[in-house]
PDB file of N, CA and C in Angstrom:
ATOM      1  N   UNK A   1      61.889  24.502 -64.293  1.00  0.00           N
ATOM      2  CA  UNK A   1      61.894  25.574 -63.255  1.00  0.00           C
ATOM      3  C   UNK A   1      60.767  25.886 -62.627  1.00  0.00           C
ATOM      4  N   UNK A   2      60.914  25.748 -61.130  1.00  0.00           N
ATOM      5  CA  UNK A   2      59.665  26.281 -60.284  1.00  0.00           C
ATOM      6  C   UNK A   2      60.022  27.647 -60.013  1.00  0.00           C
ATOM      7  N   UNK A   3      58.802  28.219 -59.552  1.00  0.00           N
ATOM      8  CA  UNK A   3      58.415  29.509 -59.292  1.00  0.00           C
ATOM      9  C   UNK A   3      59.813  29.870 -58.209  1.00  0.00           C
ATOM     10  N   UNK A   4      59.941  29.141 -57.068  1.00  0.00           N
ATOM     11  CA  UNK A   4      61.165  29.528 -56.092  1.00  0.00           C
ATOM     12  C   UNK A   4      62.375  29.597 -56.831  1.00  0.00           C
ATOM     13  N   UNK A   5      62.713  28.623 -57.836  1.00  0.00           N
ATOM     14  CA  UNK A   5      64.098  29.001 -58.877  1.00  0.00           C
ATOM     15  C   UNK A   5      64.036  30.118 -59.242  1.00  0.00           C
ATOM     16  N   UNK A   6      63.004  30.652 -59.936  1.00  0.00           N
ATOM     17  CA  UNK A   6      63.118  31.687 -60.641  1.00  0.00           C
ATOM     18  C   UNK A   6      63.261  32.808 -59.765  1.00  0.00           C
ATOM     19  N   UNK A   7      62.707  32.748 -58.607  1.00  0.00           N
ATOM     20  CA  UNK A   7      63.187  34.002 -57.694  1.00  0.00           C
ATOM     21  C   UNK A   7      64.451  34.100 -57.234  1.00  0.00           C
ATOM     22  N   UNK A   8      64.696  32.953 -57.045  1.00  0.00           N
ATOM     23  CA  UNK A   8      66.421  32.914 -56.544  1.00  0.00           C
ATOM     24  C   UNK A   8      67.116  32.915 -57.913  1.00  0.00           C
ATOM     25  N   UNK A   9      67.099  32.721 -58.992  1.00  0.00           N
ATOM     26  CA  UNK A   9      67.485  33.055 -60.144  1.00  0.00           C
ATOM     27  C   UNK A   9      67.632  34.668 -60.344  1.00  0.00           C
ATOM     28  N   UNK A  10      66.677  35.396 -60.207  1.00  0.00           N
ATOM     29  CA  UNK A  10      66.242  36.593 -60.375  1.00  0.00           C
ATOM     30  C   UNK A  10      67.226  37.505 -59.182  1.00  0.00           C
ATOM     31  N   UNK A  11      67.039  37.050 -58.261  1.00  0.00           N
ATOM     32  CA  UNK A  11      67.914  37.482 -56.925  1.00  0.00           C
ATOM     33  C   UNK A  11      69.283  37.571 -56.815  1.00  0.00           C
ATOM     34  N   UNK A  12      69.647  36.136 -57.283  1.00  0.00           N
ATOM     35  CA  UNK A  12      71.170  35.988 -57.922  1.00  0.00           C
ATOM     36  C   UNK A  12      71.764  36.699 -58.939  1.00  0.00           C
ATOM     37  N   UNK A  13      70.921  36.920 -59.926  1.00  0.00           N
ATOM     38  CA  UNK A  13      71.264  37.622 -61.127  1.00  0.00           C
ATOM     39  C   UNK A  13      71.599  39.096 -60.905  1.00  0.00           C
ATOM     40  N   UNK A  14      70.494  39.499 -60.204  1.00  0.00           N
ATOM     41  CA  UNK A  14      70.304  41.041 -60.163  1.00  0.00           C
ATOM     42  C   UNK A  14      70.394  41.681 -58.963  1.00  0.00           C
ATOM     43  N   UNK A  15      70.610  41.190 -57.700  1.00  0.00           N
ATOM     44  CA  UNK A  15      70.889  41.812 -56.563  1.00  0.00           C
ATOM     45  C   UNK A  15      69.664  42.458 -56.220  1.00  0.00           C
ATOM     46  N   UNK A  16      70.548  43.396 -55.713  1.00  0.00           N
ATOM     47  CA  UNK A  16      69.311  44.402 -55.449  1.00  0.00           C
ATOM     48  C   UNK A  16      68.458  45.099 -55.986  1.00  0.00           C
ATOM     49  N   UNK A  17      68.649  45.034 -57.751  1.00  0.00           N
ATOM     50  CA  UNK A  17      67.393  45.667 -58.551  1.00  0.00           C
ATOM     51  C   UNK A  17      66.740  44.428 -58.695  1.00  0.00           C
ATOM     52  N   UNK A  18      66.835  43.474 -58.340  1.00  0.00           N
ATOM     53  CA  UNK A  18      65.860  42.096 -58.417  1.00  0.00           C
ATOM     54  C   UNK A  18      64.232  42.504 -58.136  1.00  0.00           C
ATOM     55  N   UNK A  19      64.174  43.263 -57.279  1.00  0.00           N
ATOM     56  CA  UNK A  19      62.509  43.454 -56.871  1.00  0.00           C
ATOM     57  C   UNK A  19      61.938  44.462 -57.944  1.00  0.00           C
ATOM     58  N   UNK A  20      62.616  45.445 -57.983  1.00  0.00           N
ATOM     59  CA  UNK A  20      62.283  46.639 -59.145  1.00  0.00           C
ATOM     60  C   UNK A  20      62.204  45.896 -60.327  1.00  0.00           C
ATOM     61  N   UNK A  21      63.018  44.999 -60.797  1.00  0.00           N
ATOM     62  CA  UNK A  21      62.918  44.443 -62.095  1.00  0.00           C
ATOM     63  C   UNK A  21      61.546  43.631 -62.071  1.00  0.00           C
ATOM     64  N   UNK A  22      61.413  43.121 -61.312  1.00  0.00           N
ATOM     65  CA  UNK A  22      60.260  42.026 -61.011  1.00  0.00           C
ATOM     66  C   UNK A  22      58.902  42.807 -61.341  1.00  0.00           C
ATOM     67  N   UNK A  23      58.699  44.026 -60.784  1.00  0.00           N
ATOM     68  CA  UNK A  23      57.475  44.705 -60.743  1.00  0.00           C
ATOM     69  C   UNK A  23      57.357  45.901 -61.535  1.00  0.00           C
ATOM     70  N   UNK A  24      58.557  46.100 -62.124  1.00  0.00           N
ATOM     71  CA  UNK A  24      58.715  47.495 -63.112  1.00  0.00           C
ATOM     72  C   UNK A  24      58.958  47.389 -64.593  1.00  0.00           C
ATOM     73  N   UNK A  25      59.615  46.199 -64.936  1.00  0.00           N
ATOM     74  CA  UNK A  25      60.052  46.004 -66.042  1.00  0.00           C
ATOM     75  C   UNK A  25      59.014  45.301 -66.844  1.00  0.00           C
ATOM     76  N   UNK A  26      58.318  46.135 -68.216  1.00  0.00           N
ATOM     77  CA  UNK A  26      57.361  45.229 -68.970  1.00  0.00           C
ATOM     78  C   UNK A  26      57.850  44.632 -69.878  1.00  0.00           C
ATOM     79  N   UNK A  27      58.025  43.420 -70.037  1.00  0.00           N
ATOM     80  CA  UNK A  27      58.310  42.411 -71.160  1.00  0.00           C
ATOM     81  C   UNK A  27      57.480  42.107 -72.424  1.00  0.00           C
ATOM     82  N   UNK A  28      57.676  42.887 -73.610  1.00  0.00           N
ATOM     83  CA  UNK A  28      56.951  42.833 -74.873  1.00  0.00           C
ATOM     84  C   UNK A  28      56.783  41.173 -75.122  1.00  0.00           C
ATOM     85  N   UNK A  29      57.878  40.304 -74.715  1.00  0.00           N
ATOM     86  CA  UNK A  29      57.825  39.041 -75.444  1.00  0.00           C
ATOM     87  C   UNK A  29      56.693  38.012 -74.295  1.00  0.00           C
ATOM     88  N   UNK A  30      56.237  38.837 -73.256  1.00  0.00           N
ATOM     89  CA  UNK A  30      55.522  37.951 -72.184  1.00  0.00           C
ATOM     90  C   UNK A  30      53.979  38.731 -72.115  1.00  0.00           C
ATOM     91  N   UNK A  31      53.873  39.405 -73.476  1.00  0.00           N
ATOM     92  CA  UNK A  31      52.419  40.054 -73.667  1.00  0.00           C
ATOM     93  C   UNK A  31      52.151  41.399 -72.913  1.00  0.00           C
ATOM     94  N   UNK A  32      53.404  42.044 -72.938  1.00  0.00           N
ATOM     95  CA  UNK A  32      53.293  43.222 -72.181  1.00  0.00           C
ATOM     96  C   UNK A  32      53.303  43.423 -70.692  1.00  0.00           C
ATOM     97  N   UNK A  33      53.699  42.453 -70.075  1.00  0.00           N
ATOM     98  CA  UNK A  33      53.416  42.031 -68.643  1.00  0.00           C
ATOM     99  C   UNK A  33      54.715  42.163 -67.849  1.00  0.00           C
ATOM    100  N   UNK A  34      54.744  42.203 -66.632  1.00  0.00           N
ATOM    101  CA  UNK A  34      56.091  42.471 -65.736  1.00  0.00           C
ATOM    102  C   UNK A  34      56.427  40.819 -65.344  1.00  0.00           C
ATOM    103  N   UNK A  35      57.253  40.644 -64.866  1.00  0.00           N
ATOM    104  CA  UNK A  35      57.736  39.265 -64.030  1.00  0.00           C
ATOM    105  C   UNK A  35      56.582  39.152 -63.273  1.00  0.00           C
ATOM    106  N   UNK A  36      55.950  39.690 -62.395  1.00  0.00           N
ATOM    107  CA  UNK A  36      55.133  39.428 -61.310  1.00  0.00           C
ATOM    108  C   UNK A  36      53.632  39.015 -61.873  1.00  0.00           C
ATOM    109  N   UNK A  37      53.596  39.897 -62.889  1.00  0.00           N
ATOM    110  CA  UNK A  37      52.290  39.716 -63.646  1.00  0.00           C
ATOM    111  C   UNK A  37      52.088  38.381 -64.491  1.00  0.00           C
ATOM    112  N   UNK A  38      53.480  38.064 -64.994  1.00  0.00           N
ATOM    113  CA  UNK A  38      53.409  36.904 -65.822  1.00  0.00           C
ATOM    114  C   UNK A  38      53.225  35.925 -64.872  1.00  0.00           C
ATOM    115  N   UNK A  39      53.686  35.953 -63.596  1.00  0.00           N
ATOM    116  CA  UNK A  39      53.848  34.726 -62.749  1.00  0.00           C
ATOM    117  C   UNK A  39      52.570  34.600 -62.403  1.00  0.00           C
ATOM    118  N   UNK A  40      51.701  35.727 -61.890  1.00  0.00           N
ATOM    119  CA  UNK A  40      50.393  35.626 -61.616  1.00  0.00           C
ATOM    120  C   UNK A  40      49.276  35.121 -62.868  1.00  0.00           C
ATOM    121  N   UNK A  41      49.688  35.203 -63.956  1.00  0.00           N
ATOM    122  CA  UNK A  41      48.936  34.886 -65.192  1.00  0.00           C
ATOM    123  C   UNK A  41      49.357  33.412 -65.421  1.00  0.00           C
ATOM    124  N   UNK A  42      50.075  32.561 -64.725  1.00  0.00           N
ATOM    125  CA  UNK A  42      50.488  31.493 -64.986  1.00  0.00           C
ATOM    126  C   UNK A  42      51.440  31.176 -66.104  1.00  0.00           C
ATOM    127  N   UNK A  43      52.206  31.907 -66.570  1.00  0.00           N
ATOM    128  CA  UNK A  43      53.313  31.526 -67.505  1.00  0.00           C
ATOM    129  C   UNK A  43      54.426  31.004 -66.726  1.00  0.00           C
ATOM    130  N   UNK A  44      55.002  29.835 -67.511  1.00  0.00           N
ATOM    131  CA  UNK A  44      55.865  29.158 -66.804  1.00  0.00           C
ATOM    132  C   UNK A  44      57.078  29.752 -66.383  1.00  0.00           C
ATOM    133  N   UNK A  45      57.571  29.482 -65.542  1.00  0.00           N
ATOM    134  CA  UNK A  45      58.720  30.129 -64.721  1.00  0.00           C
ATOM    135  C   UNK A  45      59.981  30.244 -65.675  1.00  0.00           C
ATOM    136  N   UNK A  46      60.208  28.900 -66.490  1.00  0.00           N
ATOM    137  CA  UNK A  46      61.687  29.242 -67.408  1.00  0.00           C
ATOM    138  C   UNK A  46      61.212  30.197 -68.433  1.00  0.00           C
ATOM    139  N   UNK A  47      60.026  30.343 -68.821  1.00  0.00           N
ATOM    140  CA  UNK A  47      59.690  31.241 -70.018  1.00  0.00           C
ATOM    141  C   UNK A  47      60.172  32.523 -69.666  1.00  0.00           C
ATOM    142  N   UNK A  48      59.407  32.879 -68.144  1.00  0.00           N
ATOM    143  CA  UNK A  48      59.609  34.123 -67.777  1.00  0.00           C
ATOM    144  C   UNK A  48      61.202  34.504 -67.645  1.00  0.00           C
ATOM    145  N   UNK A  49      61.946  33.497 -67.029  1.00  0.00           N
ATOM    146  CA  UNK A  49      63.473  33.627 -66.996  1.00  0.00           C
ATOM    147  C   UNK A  49      64.125  33.931 -68.316  1.00  0.00           C
ATOM    148  N   UNK A  50      63.588  33.158 -69.227  1.00  0.00           N
ATOM    149  CA  UNK A  50      64.328  33.303 -70.686  1.00  0.00           C
ATOM    150  C   UNK A  50      63.974  34.791 -71.072  1.00  0.00           C
ATOM    151  N   UNK A  51      62.826  35.218 -71.137  1.00  0.00           N
ATOM    152  CA  UNK A  51      62.337  36.448 -71.355  1.00  0.00           C
ATOM    153  C   UNK A  51      63.237  37.622 -70.645  1.00  0.00           C
ATOM    154  N   UNK A  52      63.255  37.559 -69.384  1.00  0.00           N
ATOM    155  CA  UNK A  52      63.855  38.655 -68.600  1.00  0.00           C
ATOM    156  C   UNK A  52      65.292  38.673 -69.134  1.00  0.00           C
ATOM    157  N   UNK A  53      65.986  37.148 -69.215  1.00  0.00           N
ATOM    158  CA  UNK A  53      67.609  37.084 -69.616  1.00  0.00           C
ATOM    159  C   UNK A  53      67.459  38.119 -70.788  1.00  0.00           C
ATOM    160  N   UNK A  54      66.882  37.455 -71.754  1.00  0.00           N
ATOM    161  CA  UNK A  54      66.990  38.271 -73.119  1.00  0.00           C
ATOM    162  C   UNK A  54      66.742  39.766 -73.084  1.00  0.00           C
ATOM    163  N   UNK A  55      65.586  40.198 -72.291  1.00  0.00           N
ATOM    164  CA  UNK A  55      65.499  41.968 -72.268  1.00  0.00           C
ATOM    165  C   UNK A  55      66.715  42.466 -71.503  1.00  0.00           C
ATOM    166  N   UNK A  56      67.235  41.950 -70.872  1.00  0.00           N
ATOM    167  CA  UNK A  56      68.189  42.470 -69.695  1.00  0.00           C
ATOM    168  C   UNK A  56      69.616  42.051 -70.440  1.00  0.00           C
ATOM    169  N   UNK A  57      69.976  41.600 -71.484  1.00  0.00           N
ATOM    170  CA  UNK A  57      71.161  41.155 -71.884  1.00  0.00           C
ATOM    171  C   UNK A  57      72.113  40.046 -71.140  1.00  0.00           C
ATOM    172  N   UNK A  58      71.362  39.143 -70.252  1.00  0.00           N
ATOM    173  CA  UNK A  58      72.069  38.186 -69.307  1.00  0.00           C
ATOM    174  C   UNK A  58      72.864  37.381 -70.241  1.00  0.00           C
ATOM    175  N   UNK A  59      74.291  36.979 -70.113  1.00  0.00           N
ATOM    176  CA  UNK A  59      74.808  36.326 -71.180  1.00  0.00           C
ATOM    177  C   UNK A  59      74.483  35.072 -71.027  1.00  0.00           C
ATOM    178  N   UNK A  60      74.418  34.234 -72.286  1.00  0.00           N
ATOM    179  CA  UNK A  60      73.914  32.874 -72.457  1.00  0.00           C
ATOM    180  C   UNK A  60      74.256  31.738 -71.662  1.00  0.00           C
ATOM    181  N   UNK A  61      75.692  31.749 -71.167  1.00  0.00           N
ATOM    182  CA  UNK A  61      76.236  30.761 -70.092  1.00  0.00           C
ATOM    183  C   UNK A  61      75.777  31.243 -68.483  1.00  0.00           C
ATOM    184  N   UNK A  62      74.913  32.178 -68.293  1.00  0.00           N
ATOM    185  CA  UNK A  62      74.129  32.385 -67.085  1.00  0.00           C
ATOM    186  C   UNK A  62      72.730  32.236 -67.077  1.00  0.00           C
ATOM    187  N   UNK A  63      72.304  31.891 -68.387  1.00  0.00           N
ATOM    188  CA  UNK A  63      70.738  31.532 -68.812  1.00  0.00           C
ATOM    189  C   UNK A  63      70.058  30.239 -67.909  1.00  0.00           C
ATOM    190  N   UNK A  64      71.074  29.125 -68.056  1.00  0.00           N
ATOM    191  CA  UNK A  64      70.410  27.813 -67.761  1.00  0.00           C
ATOM    192  C   UNK A  64      71.017  27.329 -66.576  1.00  0.00           C
ATOM    193  N   UNK A  65      70.017  26.594 -65.788  1.00  0.00           N
ATOM    194  CA  UNK A  65      70.317  26.014 -64.696  1.00  0.00           C
ATOM    195  C   UNK A  65      70.444  26.907 -63.536  1.00  0.00           C
ATOM    196  N   UNK A  66      70.319  27.977 -63.452  1.00  0.00           N
ATOM    197  CA  UNK A  66      70.452  29.028 -62.554  1.00  0.00           C
ATOM    198  C   UNK A  66      69.208  28.780 -61.588  1.00  0.00           C
ATOM    199  N   UNK A  67      69.512  29.077 -60.191  1.00  0.00           N
ATOM    200  CA  UNK A  67      68.217  29.094 -59.638  1.00  0.00           C
ATOM    201  C   UNK A  67      67.936  27.771 -58.708  1.00  0.00           C
ATOM    202  N   UNK A  68      68.855  26.780 -59.214  1.00  0.00           N
ATOM    203  CA  UNK A  68      68.720  25.610 -58.508  1.00  0.00           C
ATOM    204  C   UNK A  68      69.503  25.511 -57.284  1.00  0.00           C
ATOM    205  N   UNK A  69      69.109  24.957 -56.153  1.00  0.00           N
ATOM    206  CA  UNK A  69      69.936  24.756 -55.132  1.00  0.00           C
ATOM    207  C   UNK A  69      71.179  23.587 -55.314  1.00  0.00           C
ATOM    208  N   UNK A  70      72.193  23.614 -55.115  1.00  0.00           N
ATOM    209  CA  UNK A  70      73.044  22.682 -55.273  1.00  0.00           C
ATOM    210  C   UNK A  70      72.843  21.483 -54.684  1.00  0.00           C
ATOM    211  N   UNK A  71      72.659  20.215 -55.379  1.00  0.00           N
ATOM    212  CA  UNK A  71      72.572  18.736 -54.609  1.00  0.00           C
ATOM    213  C   UNK A  71      73.292  18.722 -53.618  1.00  0.00           C
ATOM    214  N   UNK A  72      72.564  17.962 -52.734  1.00  0.00           N
ATOM    215  CA  UNK A  72      73.162  17.660 -51.543  1.00  0.00           C
ATOM    216  C   UNK A  72      74.026  16.197 -51.972  1.00  0.00           C
ATOM    217  N   UNK A  73      75.575  16.348 -51.478  1.00  0.00           N
ATOM    218  CA  UNK A  73      76.109  15.251 -51.500  1.00  0.00           C
ATOM    219  C   UNK A  73      76.163  14.177 -50.222  1.00  0.00           C
ATOM    220  N   UNK A  74      75.969  12.906 -50.925  1.00  0.00           N
ATOM    221  CA  UNK A  74      75.814  11.941 -49.649  1.00  0.00           C
ATOM    222  C   UNK A  74      77.166  11.246 -49.307  1.00  0.00           C
TER     223      UNK A  74
END
């Protein structure tokens, strides 16, 4: 997962709450960091996404593969 995919996944999952969750929600599993702080600290986007999902009770079936653009069919 890339940073852009993480940002897209958060936006898609949380909509209008995405920005506030990114800067306000402190995640203990990321060393008491917010998503924004974790990204700045160089923590892998996939690790951040999974920590955010766990903290906000995102169902398992919506945790994997999100944030990716649909492949272009030829």
